[in-house]
Amino acid sequence: TLENATRRVLELAPERRAADAGVAAREAELRQAGSWPNPSIDLRADDKLGQEDGRGGTDLTRAGISQPLPFRRLARQRTATEAALRGTEASGRAQQLQLEQETARVFTALQLTGARLVLAQERFKLAQEYAGNATGKRDPLVRYLAPLERRRLAILQEEAQHEMQAAERERDKALTGFRALLGLPPDAAVALAPLTLPAAPRALPELERGLDTHPALVAARQETEAARAGIAVEESRRFADPELGVFRERDFLNGERRDVTVVELSVQIPLWNLNRGPVDLAKAETLRAQANLATLQRDSGSRLQQSYIELTRLIQQAESMRTRLLEPAREVLDLTRRAFASGEANILALVDANNTYFDAQTHYLEVLKDGALAAASLRLAAGQSIVTGEVSP
């Protein structure tokens, strides 16, 4: 079934592993975003004291520790990274929907070629029956056929044989693509569910209400949030973090060595470089993300409506074809075959009835294939998964 094939594709697809790796990378960034910068230890040794008191030698004159203070930057970094993580997770779910649609396309192609092969085999079998009747092997009381009629029956059989061979080639080609997508061995046996008419979709207003949770829209919104938070991050990164240091120094005071405690605060002065470039870049990225979100919001509704209309029309067309075309064409073919056998119909009527029936069957299979693809497109447009149902953010 399509569900089983989709599950296998999602288990084996390298795109899924790449998406999972992207999420893991964002999680690592999130852990790092809240980390404080490491402190620095400052040690200094010189011979200053030895020169002051005449003792000579080198002494440790300064020992301390300094710590950058990223008070504003860490919170902003974490906010931006959290939004980026949520966006990456949503992008992975959107990619899952894309994989499901691709699986449906390959699966339906194999279903269609298999159904065409069965139809071509039926056509060839009937053509052989016509030829058998023409030679009198099946019925000794068969009516006389003129040489022209025998020639037409031979052509009909040859056409059916060539069509069956073409259907076999197309089936083998589709089967190769299906095995490759599912990671099956080249000689693996494959049995698919028959190509059938998809079920009627839910009401369009109900599908439209779920558009806000579509993974692609969620990913775009989170990208916009991450870009907006990135502006604040770059604002906090314009200048180096203030740095607090505590030191212990030894100096020569009042004729003797003394220890001195020093508390130091270092702040960068924005004198020559205001560092506005990264901020402006973050603002431009935010505008781009907002434009992408607006584009998706504009197009998602129309894609959903188009897919819904196409699927419902194809369902109606298939039902109409089954009752108003396939069944009458089959009846005409059966009646024409009996009439031809009894001499009441000529060879042209038989060929026309035969071609009409099998052309109608071929057209009906095309409509079923289009319906299956339209159902896959509707699931993608509505953000629905055939494996897990609704794909929620």
Protein backbone atom coordinates (compact mmCIF):
# COMPACT_ATOMS: atom_id res chain seq x y z
CA THR A 1 0.00 0.00 0.00
CA LEU A 2 1.01 3.62 -0.34
CA GLU A 3 1.16 3.95 3.46
CA ASN A 4 3.62 1.06 3.79
CA ALA A 5 5.77 2.37 0.95
CA THR A 6 5.81 5.83 2.50
CA ARG A 7 6.86 4.50 5.89
CA ARG A 8 9.78 2.66 4.32
CA VAL A 9 10.86 5.74 2.36
CA LEU A 10 10.76 7.89 5.50
CA GLU A 11 12.85 5.31 7.34
CA LEU A 12 15.54 5.08 4.67
CA ALA A 13 15.57 8.46 2.93
CA PRO A 14 18.87 10.37 3.32
CA GLU A 15 16.85 13.58 3.29
CA ARG A 16 15.35 12.58 6.63
CA ARG A 17 18.78 11.92 8.10
CA ALA A 18 19.95 15.30 6.84
CA ALA A 19 16.92 16.95 8.45
CA ASP A 20 17.59 15.18 11.75
CA ALA A 21 21.22 16.29 11.59
CA GLY A 22 20.05 19.87 11.03
CA VAL A 23 17.87 19.69 14.13
CA ALA A 24 20.76 18.27 16.15
CA ALA A 25 22.97 21.12 14.96
CA ARG A 26 20.39 23.69 16.05
CA GLU A 27 20.10 22.01 19.44
CA ALA A 28 23.87 22.24 19.83
CA GLU A 29 23.70 25.93 18.91
CA LEU A 30 20.99 26.43 21.51
CA ARG A 31 23.13 24.86 24.22
CA GLN A 32 26.05 27.02 23.19
CA ALA A 33 23.93 30.17 22.99
CA GLY A 34 23.39 30.19 26.75
CA SER A 35 27.01 29.54 27.67
CA TRP A 36 29.01 32.23 29.41
CA PRO A 37 32.43 33.08 27.98
CA ASN A 38 35.34 31.61 29.88
CA PRO A 39 37.21 33.77 32.42
CA SER A 40 40.82 34.74 31.94
CA ILE A 41 43.63 34.32 34.48
CA ASP A 42 46.35 36.95 34.55
CA LEU A 43 49.76 36.18 36.09
CA ARG A 44 52.78 38.48 35.99
CA ALA A 45 56.28 38.01 37.34
CA ASP A 46 59.04 40.64 37.22
CA ASP A 47 62.12 41.87 39.14
CA LYS A 48 60.63 45.22 40.15
CA LEU A 49 60.45 44.39 43.87
CA GLY A 50 63.98 43.02 43.87
CA GLN A 51 65.25 46.21 42.41
CA GLU A 52 63.28 48.34 44.91
CA ASP A 53 64.58 46.65 48.07
CA GLY A 54 67.88 45.51 46.70
CA ARG A 55 67.21 41.80 47.22
CA GLY A 56 67.24 41.00 43.51
CA GLY A 57 65.47 38.09 41.88
CA THR A 58 62.07 37.75 40.21
CA ASP A 59 58.78 37.67 42.09
CA LEU A 60 55.10 37.09 41.23
CA THR A 61 53.73 40.64 41.33
CA ARG A 62 50.25 40.22 39.83
CA ALA A 63 47.63 37.46 39.94
CA GLY A 64 44.00 37.87 39.04
CA ILE A 65 40.95 36.74 37.11
CA SER A 66 38.75 38.62 34.63
CA GLN A 67 35.28 37.67 33.44
CA PRO A 68 33.36 39.09 30.43
CA LEU A 69 29.78 40.04 31.35
CA PRO A 70 27.38 39.13 28.49
CA PHE A 71 24.21 40.09 30.38
CA ARG A 72 22.15 41.31 27.41
CA ARG A 73 23.69 39.19 24.69
CA LEU A 74 23.00 35.69 26.10
CA ALA A 75 19.24 36.11 26.49
CA ARG A 76 18.94 37.52 22.98
CA GLN A 77 21.08 34.76 21.51
CA ARG A 78 18.96 32.11 23.17
CA THR A 79 15.71 33.65 21.90
CA ALA A 80 17.02 33.73 18.33
CA THR A 81 18.40 30.20 18.49
CA GLU A 82 15.18 28.78 19.96
CA ALA A 83 13.21 30.28 17.06
CA ALA A 84 15.74 28.87 14.58
CA LEU A 85 15.43 25.41 16.19
CA ARG A 86 11.64 25.46 15.91
CA GLY A 87 11.95 26.56 12.30
CA THR A 88 14.35 23.73 11.49
CA GLU A 89 12.02 21.19 13.08
CA ALA A 90 9.11 22.54 11.04
CA SER A 91 11.24 22.45 7.88
CA GLY A 92 11.91 18.78 8.56
CA ARG A 93 8.18 18.10 8.75
CA ALA A 94 7.64 20.04 5.52
CA GLN A 95 10.34 17.95 3.87
CA GLN A 96 8.56 14.83 5.09
CA LEU A 97 5.46 15.94 3.21
CA GLN A 98 7.56 16.48 0.08
CA LEU A 99 8.95 12.95 0.40
CA GLU A 100 5.45 11.58 0.82
CA GLN A 101 4.32 13.30 -2.36
CA GLU A 102 7.33 11.96 -4.27
CA THR A 103 6.58 8.46 -2.96
CA ALA A 104 2.97 8.82 -4.09
CA ARG A 105 4.15 9.88 -7.56
CA VAL A 106 6.45 6.86 -7.96
CA PHE A 107 3.91 4.49 -6.39
CA THR A 108 1.10 5.71 -8.65
CA ALA A 109 3.30 5.47 -11.74
CA LEU A 110 3.96 1.82 -10.95
CA GLN A 111 0.27 1.20 -10.30
CA LEU A 112 -0.63 2.79 -13.63
CA THR A 113 1.93 0.85 -15.66
CA GLY A 114 0.86 -2.38 -13.97
CA ALA A 115 -2.79 -1.70 -14.77
CA ARG A 116 -1.90 -0.81 -18.35
CA LEU A 117 -0.01 -4.08 -18.71
CA VAL A 118 -3.01 -6.08 -17.47
CA LEU A 119 -5.24 -4.18 -19.90
CA ALA A 120 -2.79 -4.77 -22.78
CA GLN A 121 -2.69 -8.49 -21.97
CA GLU A 122 -6.48 -8.62 -22.04
CA ARG A 123 -6.48 -6.82 -25.38
CA PHE A 124 -3.95 -9.24 -26.83
CA LYS A 125 -5.92 -12.22 -25.55
CA LEU A 126 -9.08 -10.98 -27.24
CA ALA A 127 -7.18 -10.33 -30.45
CA GLN A 128 -5.92 -13.91 -30.36
CA GLU A 129 -9.49 -15.13 -29.94
CA TYR A 130 -10.55 -13.11 -32.99
CA ALA A 131 -7.70 -14.65 -34.99
CA GLY A 132 -8.55 -18.13 -33.72
CA ASN A 133 -12.12 -17.72 -34.85
CA ALA A 134 -10.85 -16.44 -38.16
CA THR A 135 -8.91 -19.65 -38.81
CA GLY A 136 -11.79 -21.82 -37.68
CA LYS A 137 -9.81 -23.57 -34.93
CA ARG A 138 -12.29 -22.87 -32.14
CA ASP A 139 -15.59 -23.24 -33.93
CA PRO A 140 -16.06 -25.45 -36.96
CA LEU A 141 -19.25 -23.57 -37.83
CA VAL A 142 -17.55 -20.16 -38.02
CA ARG A 143 -18.69 -18.02 -40.88
CA TYR A 144 -16.52 -17.43 -43.90
CA LEU A 145 -14.11 -14.48 -43.64
CA ALA A 146 -12.80 -12.68 -46.66
CA PRO A 147 -9.02 -12.27 -47.03
CA LEU A 148 -9.35 -8.54 -46.24
CA GLU A 149 -11.13 -9.34 -42.99
CA ARG A 150 -8.48 -11.87 -42.05
CA ARG A 151 -5.80 -9.26 -42.76
CA ARG A 152 -7.55 -6.72 -40.53
CA LEU A 153 -7.74 -9.24 -37.70
CA ALA A 154 -4.04 -10.01 -38.07
CA ILE A 155 -3.23 -6.30 -37.86
CA LEU A 156 -5.43 -6.00 -34.78
CA GLN A 157 -3.53 -8.84 -33.12
CA GLU A 158 -0.15 -7.37 -34.04
CA GLU A 159 -1.10 -3.96 -32.64
CA ALA A 160 -2.23 -5.58 -29.40
CA GLN A 161 1.06 -7.47 -29.13
CA HIS A 162 3.16 -4.34 -29.65
CA GLU A 163 1.07 -2.46 -27.10
CA MET A 164 1.59 -5.25 -24.59
CA GLN A 165 5.36 -5.15 -25.15
CA ALA A 166 5.38 -1.37 -24.68
CA ALA A 167 3.37 -1.75 -21.47
CA GLU A 168 5.90 -4.29 -20.18
CA ARG A 169 8.77 -1.86 -20.83
CA GLU A 170 7.00 0.97 -19.03
CA ARG A 171 6.15 -1.31 -16.11
CA ASP A 172 9.78 -2.45 -15.78
CA LYS A 173 11.00 1.16 -15.91
CA ALA A 174 8.58 2.24 -13.20
CA LEU A 175 9.46 -0.82 -11.13
CA THR A 176 13.15 0.09 -11.25
CA GLY A 177 12.43 3.58 -9.94
CA PHE A 178 10.17 2.21 -7.22
CA ARG A 179 12.78 -0.28 -6.00
CA ALA A 180 15.44 2.42 -5.96
CA LEU A 181 13.28 4.78 -3.93
CA LEU A 182 12.43 2.13 -1.36
CA GLY A 183 15.94 0.66 -1.24
CA LEU A 184 14.79 -2.76 -2.47
CA PRO A 185 17.06 -5.31 -4.18
CA PRO A 186 16.88 -5.30 -8.00
CA ASP A 187 15.17 -8.70 -8.02
CA ALA A 188 12.75 -8.01 -5.16
CA ALA A 189 9.17 -9.05 -5.86
CA VAL A 190 6.70 -6.16 -5.62
CA ALA A 191 2.93 -6.50 -5.32
CA LEU A 192 0.96 -3.26 -5.17
CA ALA A 193 -2.60 -2.48 -4.25
CA PRO A 194 -4.68 -1.85 -7.38
CA LEU A 195 -5.15 1.66 -8.73
CA THR A 196 -8.47 2.88 -7.34
CA LEU A 197 -10.40 6.09 -7.05
CA PRO A 198 -9.31 8.13 -4.00
CA ALA A 199 -11.79 8.93 -1.28
CA ALA A 200 -13.58 12.26 -1.28
CA PRO A 201 -11.67 14.90 0.71
CA ARG A 202 -12.94 16.76 3.72
CA ALA A 203 -14.76 20.03 3.25
CA LEU A 204 -12.61 22.86 1.94
CA PRO A 205 -13.33 25.26 4.87
CA GLU A 206 -12.15 22.60 7.31
CA LEU A 207 -8.92 22.16 5.37
CA GLU A 208 -8.40 25.93 5.19
CA ARG A 209 -8.69 26.23 8.96
CA GLY A 210 -5.68 23.96 9.33
CA LEU A 211 -3.42 26.00 7.06
CA ASP A 212 -1.98 27.99 9.97
CA THR A 213 -0.31 24.82 11.27
CA HIS A 214 1.15 23.84 7.89
CA PRO A 215 4.81 22.97 8.51
CA ALA A 216 6.03 25.20 5.68
CA LEU A 217 4.19 28.21 7.12
CA VAL A 218 5.36 27.38 10.63
CA ALA A 219 8.95 27.17 9.39
CA ALA A 220 8.62 30.51 7.60
CA ARG A 221 7.15 32.18 10.68
CA GLN A 222 9.90 30.81 12.90
CA GLU A 223 12.50 31.98 10.40
CA THR A 224 11.00 35.45 10.62
CA GLU A 225 11.06 35.33 14.42
CA ALA A 226 14.67 34.15 14.40
CA ALA A 227 15.65 36.93 11.99
CA ARG A 228 13.86 39.54 14.10
CA ALA A 229 15.59 38.27 17.23
CA GLY A 230 18.85 38.29 15.29
CA ILE A 231 18.64 42.08 15.06
CA ALA A 232 18.72 42.33 18.86
CA VAL A 233 21.60 39.85 18.95
CA GLU A 234 23.67 41.91 16.56
CA GLU A 235 22.84 45.06 18.49
CA SER A 236 24.29 43.43 21.60
CA ARG A 237 27.35 42.30 19.65
CA ARG A 238 28.23 45.72 18.28
CA PHE A 239 30.82 46.20 21.01
CA ALA A 240 32.79 43.83 23.16
CA ASP A 241 31.22 42.65 26.40
CA PRO A 242 32.23 44.65 29.49
CA GLU A 243 34.86 42.80 31.47
CA LEU A 244 35.21 42.66 35.24
CA GLY A 245 38.55 41.77 36.74
CA VAL A 246 39.80 41.16 40.31
CA PHE A 247 43.56 41.20 40.83
CA ARG A 248 46.04 40.81 43.65
CA GLU A 249 49.26 42.77 43.20
CA ARG A 250 52.47 43.07 45.21
CA ASP A 251 54.16 46.45 45.29
CA PHE A 252 56.83 48.31 47.29
CA LEU A 253 55.12 50.88 49.55
CA ASN A 254 56.59 52.86 52.50
CA GLY A 255 59.83 50.96 52.29
CA GLU A 256 58.35 47.46 52.40
CA ARG A 257 56.54 44.97 50.21
CA ARG A 258 52.75 45.11 50.41
CA ASP A 259 49.82 43.28 48.80
CA VAL A 260 47.26 45.40 46.93
CA THR A 261 43.75 44.31 45.79
CA VAL A 262 42.52 45.71 42.47
CA VAL A 263 38.96 45.64 41.02
CA GLU A 264 38.91 46.55 37.34
CA LEU A 265 36.05 47.17 34.88
CA SER A 266 36.89 47.33 31.18
CA VAL A 267 34.40 48.82 28.69
CA GLN A 268 35.01 49.34 25.00
CA ILE A 269 34.64 52.91 23.72
CA PRO A 270 32.83 53.12 20.32
CA LEU A 271 35.12 55.78 18.95
CA TRP A 272 36.25 54.65 15.49
CA ASN A 273 33.98 51.72 14.62
CA LEU A 274 30.25 51.76 15.39
CA ASN A 275 29.89 48.25 13.89
CA ARG A 276 26.54 48.90 12.18
CA GLY A 277 27.12 46.46 9.29
CA PRO A 278 25.97 43.25 11.06
CA VAL A 279 22.91 45.06 12.40
CA ASP A 280 21.92 46.28 8.94
CA LEU A 281 22.50 42.80 7.55
CA ALA A 282 20.22 41.31 10.21
CA LYS A 283 17.53 43.85 9.34
CA ALA A 284 17.77 42.96 5.66
CA GLU A 285 17.50 39.23 6.51
CA THR A 286 14.39 40.01 8.54
CA LEU A 287 12.80 41.80 5.58
CA ARG A 288 13.63 38.85 3.35
CA ALA A 289 12.11 36.36 5.82
CA GLN A 290 8.98 38.49 6.13
CA ALA A 291 8.63 38.65 2.35
CA ASN A 292 9.01 34.86 2.08
CA LEU A 293 6.35 34.37 4.73
CA ALA A 294 3.97 36.74 2.95
CA THR A 295 4.54 34.86 -0.31
CA LEU A 296 3.80 31.51 1.31
CA GLN A 297 0.68 32.86 2.97
CA ARG A 298 -0.52 34.25 -0.35
CA ASP A 299 0.14 31.06 -2.31
CA SER A 300 -0.83 28.40 0.24
CA GLY A 301 -4.54 29.16 0.10
CA SER A 302 -4.68 29.16 -3.70
CA ARG A 303 -2.72 25.90 -3.93
CA LEU A 304 -5.11 24.29 -1.48
CA GLN A 305 -8.15 25.43 -3.43
CA GLN A 306 -6.68 24.33 -6.76
CA SER A 307 -5.80 20.88 -5.43
CA TYR A 308 -9.23 20.52 -3.84
CA ILE A 309 -11.07 21.50 -7.02
CA GLU A 310 -8.92 19.22 -9.17
CA LEU A 311 -9.47 16.21 -6.91
CA THR A 312 -13.22 16.67 -6.60
CA ARG A 313 -13.60 17.15 -10.36
CA LEU A 314 -11.54 14.05 -11.08
CA ILE A 315 -13.64 12.00 -8.67
CA GLN A 316 -16.79 13.16 -10.42
CA GLN A 317 -15.27 12.47 -13.83
CA ALA A 318 -14.18 8.96 -12.86
CA GLU A 319 -17.59 8.07 -11.47
CA SER A 320 -19.26 9.40 -14.61
CA MET A 321 -16.87 7.50 -16.87
CA ARG A 322 -17.46 4.25 -15.03
CA THR A 323 -21.25 4.37 -15.43
CA ARG A 324 -21.63 6.24 -18.72
CA LEU A 325 -18.60 5.11 -20.71
CA LEU A 326 -16.93 1.94 -19.43
CA GLU A 327 -20.05 -0.14 -18.90
CA PRO A 328 -21.68 0.85 -22.23
CA ALA A 329 -18.41 0.31 -24.10
CA ARG A 330 -18.13 -3.18 -22.62
CA GLU A 331 -21.70 -3.98 -23.58
CA VAL A 332 -21.15 -2.76 -27.13
CA LEU A 333 -17.99 -4.87 -27.44
CA ASP A 334 -19.75 -8.01 -26.22
CA LEU A 335 -22.71 -7.45 -28.54
CA THR A 336 -20.44 -6.68 -31.49
CA ARG A 337 -18.38 -9.82 -30.89
CA ARG A 338 -21.51 -11.98 -30.93
CA ALA A 339 -22.84 -10.17 -33.97
CA PHE A 340 -19.54 -10.58 -35.81
CA ALA A 341 -19.44 -14.29 -34.97
CA SER A 342 -22.93 -14.72 -36.39
CA GLY A 343 -22.20 -12.67 -39.49
CA GLU A 344 -24.46 -9.75 -38.55
CA ALA A 345 -21.54 -7.28 -38.10
CA ASN A 346 -18.54 -6.65 -40.32
CA ILE A 347 -14.89 -6.45 -39.35
CA LEU A 348 -14.92 -2.64 -39.15
CA ALA A 349 -17.62 -2.69 -36.48
CA LEU A 350 -15.61 -5.22 -34.45
CA VAL A 351 -12.38 -3.20 -34.70
CA ASP A 352 -14.21 0.00 -33.77
CA ALA A 353 -15.92 -1.58 -30.74
CA ASN A 354 -12.65 -3.18 -29.63
CA ASN A 355 -10.69 0.07 -29.87
CA THR A 356 -13.44 2.10 -28.23
CA TYR A 357 -13.54 -0.19 -25.21
CA PHE A 358 -9.81 -0.35 -24.62
CA ASP A 359 -9.32 3.36 -25.30
CA ALA A 360 -12.01 4.08 -22.70
CA GLN A 361 -10.28 1.78 -20.22
CA THR A 362 -6.94 3.50 -20.85
CA HIS A 363 -8.50 6.93 -20.38
CA TYR A 364 -10.16 5.77 -17.17
CA LEU A 365 -6.80 4.56 -15.80
CA GLU A 366 -5.32 7.98 -16.59
CA VAL A 367 -8.11 9.64 -14.65
CA LEU A 368 -7.51 7.32 -11.69
CA LYS A 369 -3.80 8.16 -11.83
CA ASP A 370 -4.54 11.89 -11.96
CA GLY A 371 -6.89 11.48 -9.02
CA ALA A 372 -4.24 9.73 -6.93
CA LEU A 373 -1.71 12.46 -7.71
CA ALA A 374 -4.29 15.15 -6.96
CA ALA A 375 -4.96 13.53 -3.59
CA ALA A 376 -1.21 13.60 -2.85
CA SER A 377 -1.03 17.26 -3.87
CA LEU A 378 -3.99 18.06 -1.64
CA ARG A 379 -2.32 16.38 1.33
CA LEU A 380 0.81 18.41 0.68
CA ALA A 381 -1.13 21.66 0.32
CA ALA A 382 -3.15 20.98 3.48
CA GLY A 383 -0.15 19.85 5.52
CA GLN A 384 -1.48 16.33 6.04
CA SER A 385 0.60 13.17 6.27
CA ILE A 386 -0.67 9.85 4.98
CA VAL A 387 1.40 8.11 7.66
CA THR A 388 0.72 10.19 10.79
CA GLY A 389 -2.39 12.15 9.78
CA GLU A 390 -2.24 15.85 10.58
CA VAL A 391 1.30 17.21 10.75
CA SER A 392 1.14 19.57 13.69
CA PRO A 393 3.82 22.13 14.53
